[in-house]
Amino acid sequence: MGPWTVDMVAGLALGDADALPEGDYHLPNVLAWVMEGIARAGAARLLALLAPFAGHRWRVVRLLMAGNVGAPRFGPRLSRSRWAQLGH
């Protein structure tokens, strides 16, 4: 098990209010988008944004997860015709 898994288990199963899944791919972007309106951020920015919430960082993450909030996506998309060709 890696550090991300340990932090997720500590937060979800063990109720650690300060567990922070460092190394999460999407979390820095979501947090930066919600708190600052910036679409992309890194791990250092994640820690800086959550510094005022020391002791309750997992609770902030859970609120974001419960709100189903996401940062903007910039990847390529399928056209409607291609989506239909794939049977959707």
C-alpha atoms as a PDB file:
ATOM      1  CA  MET A   1       0.000   0.000   0.000  1.00  0.00           C
ATOM      2  CA  GLY A   2       1.207   3.450  -0.848  1.00  0.00           C
ATOM      3  CA  PRO A   3       0.781   6.757   0.972  1.00  0.00           C
ATOM      4  CA  TRP A   4      -2.282   7.752  -1.077  1.00  0.00           C
ATOM      5  CA  THR A   5      -4.084   4.532  -0.140  1.00  0.00           C
ATOM      6  CA  VAL A   6      -3.135   4.847   3.518  1.00  0.00           C
ATOM      7  CA  ASP A   7      -4.466   8.421   3.661  1.00  0.00           C
ATOM      8  CA  MET A   8      -7.699   7.477   1.886  1.00  0.00           C
ATOM      9  CA  VAL A   9      -8.302   4.589   4.291  1.00  0.00           C
ATOM     10  CA  ALA A  10      -7.439   6.781   7.276  1.00  0.00           C
ATOM     11  CA  GLY A  11      -9.956   9.388   6.161  1.00  0.00           C
ATOM     12  CA  LEU A  12     -12.768   7.172   4.919  1.00  0.00           C
ATOM     13  CA  ALA A  13     -12.629   4.160   7.213  1.00  0.00           C
ATOM     14  CA  LEU A  14     -10.862   5.424  10.316  1.00  0.00           C
ATOM     15  CA  GLY A  15     -12.323   8.926  10.429  1.00  0.00           C
ATOM     16  CA  ASP A  16      -9.026  10.822  10.583  1.00  0.00           C
ATOM     17  CA  ALA A  17     -10.155  14.450  10.220  1.00  0.00           C
ATOM     18  CA  ASP A  18      -6.732  15.592   9.001  1.00  0.00           C
ATOM     19  CA  ALA A  19      -5.875  12.813   6.521  1.00  0.00           C
ATOM     20  CA  LEU A  20      -4.833  14.314   3.205  1.00  0.00           C
ATOM     21  CA  PRO A  21      -4.373  12.056   0.177  1.00  0.00           C
ATOM     22  CA  GLU A  22      -1.191  13.650  -1.148  1.00  0.00           C
ATOM     23  CA  GLY A  23      -0.353  12.524  -4.633  1.00  0.00           C
ATOM     24  CA  ASP A  24      -3.994  12.593  -5.721  1.00  0.00           C
ATOM     25  CA  TYR A  25      -4.216  13.484  -9.399  1.00  0.00           C
ATOM     26  CA  HIS A  26      -7.438  15.543  -9.395  1.00  0.00           C
ATOM     27  CA  LEU A  27      -7.652  16.971  -5.891  1.00  0.00           C
ATOM     28  CA  PRO A  28      -5.219  19.925  -6.327  1.00  0.00           C
ATOM     29  CA  ASN A  29      -7.070  21.035  -9.469  1.00  0.00           C
ATOM     30  CA  VAL A  30     -10.506  20.764  -7.844  1.00  0.00           C
ATOM     31  CA  LEU A  31      -9.422  22.638  -4.735  1.00  0.00           C
ATOM     32  CA  ALA A  32      -7.716  25.394  -6.742  1.00  0.00           C
ATOM     33  CA  TRP A  33     -10.803  25.761  -8.919  1.00  0.00           C
ATOM     34  CA  VAL A  34     -13.202  26.009  -5.979  1.00  0.00           C
ATOM     35  CA  MET A  35     -11.088  28.280  -3.795  1.00  0.00           C
ATOM     36  CA  GLU A  36      -9.347  30.507  -6.343  1.00  0.00           C
ATOM     37  CA  GLY A  37     -10.932  29.975  -9.760  1.00  0.00           C
ATOM     38  CA  ILE A  38      -7.660  28.578 -11.128  1.00  0.00           C
ATOM     39  CA  ALA A  39      -8.061  25.505 -13.338  1.00  0.00           C
ATOM     40  CA  ARG A  40      -4.721  23.828 -12.583  1.00  0.00           C
ATOM     41  CA  ALA A  41      -2.559  23.524  -9.461  1.00  0.00           C
ATOM     42  CA  GLY A  42       0.089  21.257  -8.003  1.00  0.00           C
ATOM     43  CA  ALA A  43       0.697  19.498  -4.706  1.00  0.00           C
ATOM     44  CA  ALA A  44       2.468  22.516  -3.189  1.00  0.00           C
ATOM     45  CA  ARG A  45      -0.520  24.749  -3.953  1.00  0.00           C
ATOM     46  CA  LEU A  46      -2.843  22.116  -2.453  1.00  0.00           C
ATOM     47  CA  LEU A  47      -0.939  22.215   0.822  1.00  0.00           C
ATOM     48  CA  ALA A  48      -0.926  26.021   0.819  1.00  0.00           C
ATOM     49  CA  LEU A  49      -4.682  26.217   0.219  1.00  0.00           C
ATOM     50  CA  LEU A  50      -5.423  23.716   2.972  1.00  0.00           C
ATOM     51  CA  ALA A  51      -3.010  25.262   5.514  1.00  0.00           C
ATOM     52  CA  PRO A  52      -5.753  27.369   7.189  1.00  0.00           C
ATOM     53  CA  PHE A  53      -7.779  24.182   7.703  1.00  0.00           C
ATOM     54  CA  ALA A  54      -5.059  22.295   9.598  1.00  0.00           C
ATOM     55  CA  GLY A  55      -6.682  19.565  11.645  1.00  0.00           C
ATOM     56  CA  HIS A  56      -9.699  19.436   9.325  1.00  0.00           C
ATOM     57  CA  ARG A  57      -8.174  18.919   5.881  1.00  0.00           C
ATOM     58  CA  TRP A  58      -9.991  15.620   5.238  1.00  0.00           C
ATOM     59  CA  ARG A  59     -13.288  17.282   6.108  1.00  0.00           C
ATOM     60  CA  VAL A  60     -12.665  19.914   3.430  1.00  0.00           C
ATOM     61  CA  VAL A  61     -11.864  17.179   0.906  1.00  0.00           C
ATOM     62  CA  ARG A  62     -15.056  15.282   1.847  1.00  0.00           C
ATOM     63  CA  LEU A  63     -17.151  18.427   1.399  1.00  0.00           C
ATOM     64  CA  LEU A  64     -15.714  18.846  -2.096  1.00  0.00           C
ATOM     65  CA  MET A  65     -16.422  15.191  -2.863  1.00  0.00           C
ATOM     66  CA  ALA A  66     -19.983  15.490  -1.542  1.00  0.00           C
ATOM     67  CA  GLY A  67     -20.569  18.601  -3.644  1.00  0.00           C
ATOM     68  CA  ASN A  68     -19.542  16.740  -6.809  1.00  0.00           C
ATOM     69  CA  VAL A  69     -17.383  19.683  -7.875  1.00  0.00           C
ATOM     70  CA  GLY A  70     -14.786  19.391 -10.605  1.00  0.00           C
ATOM     71  CA  ALA A  71     -12.208  21.556 -12.314  1.00  0.00           C
ATOM     72  CA  PRO A  72     -12.636  22.355 -16.021  1.00  0.00           C
ATOM     73  CA  ARG A  73     -11.486  19.704 -18.444  1.00  0.00           C
ATOM     74  CA  PHE A  74      -9.236  20.508 -21.369  1.00  0.00           C
ATOM     75  CA  GLY A  75      -8.833  17.106 -23.015  1.00  0.00           C
ATOM     76  CA  PRO A  76     -10.084  16.078 -26.447  1.00  0.00           C
ATOM     77  CA  ARG A  77     -13.737  15.107 -26.804  1.00  0.00           C
ATOM     78  CA  LEU A  78     -15.593  12.760 -29.104  1.00  0.00           C
ATOM     79  CA  SER A  79     -17.879  14.382 -31.640  1.00  0.00           C
ATOM     80  CA  ARG A  80     -21.575  13.502 -31.461  1.00  0.00           C
ATOM     81  CA  SER A  81     -21.360  11.497 -34.673  1.00  0.00           C
ATOM     82  CA  ARG A  82     -18.404   9.450 -33.403  1.00  0.00           C
ATOM     83  CA  TRP A  83     -20.192   8.927 -30.070  1.00  0.00           C
ATOM     84  CA  ALA A  84     -23.225   7.588 -31.999  1.00  0.00           C
ATOM     85  CA  GLN A  85     -20.985   5.292 -34.070  1.00  0.00           C
ATOM     86  CA  LEU A  86     -19.735   3.720 -30.866  1.00  0.00           C
ATOM     87  CA  GLY A  87     -23.308   2.763 -29.988  1.00  0.00           C
ATOM     88  CA  HIS A  88     -24.139   5.328 -27.331  1.00  0.00           C
END
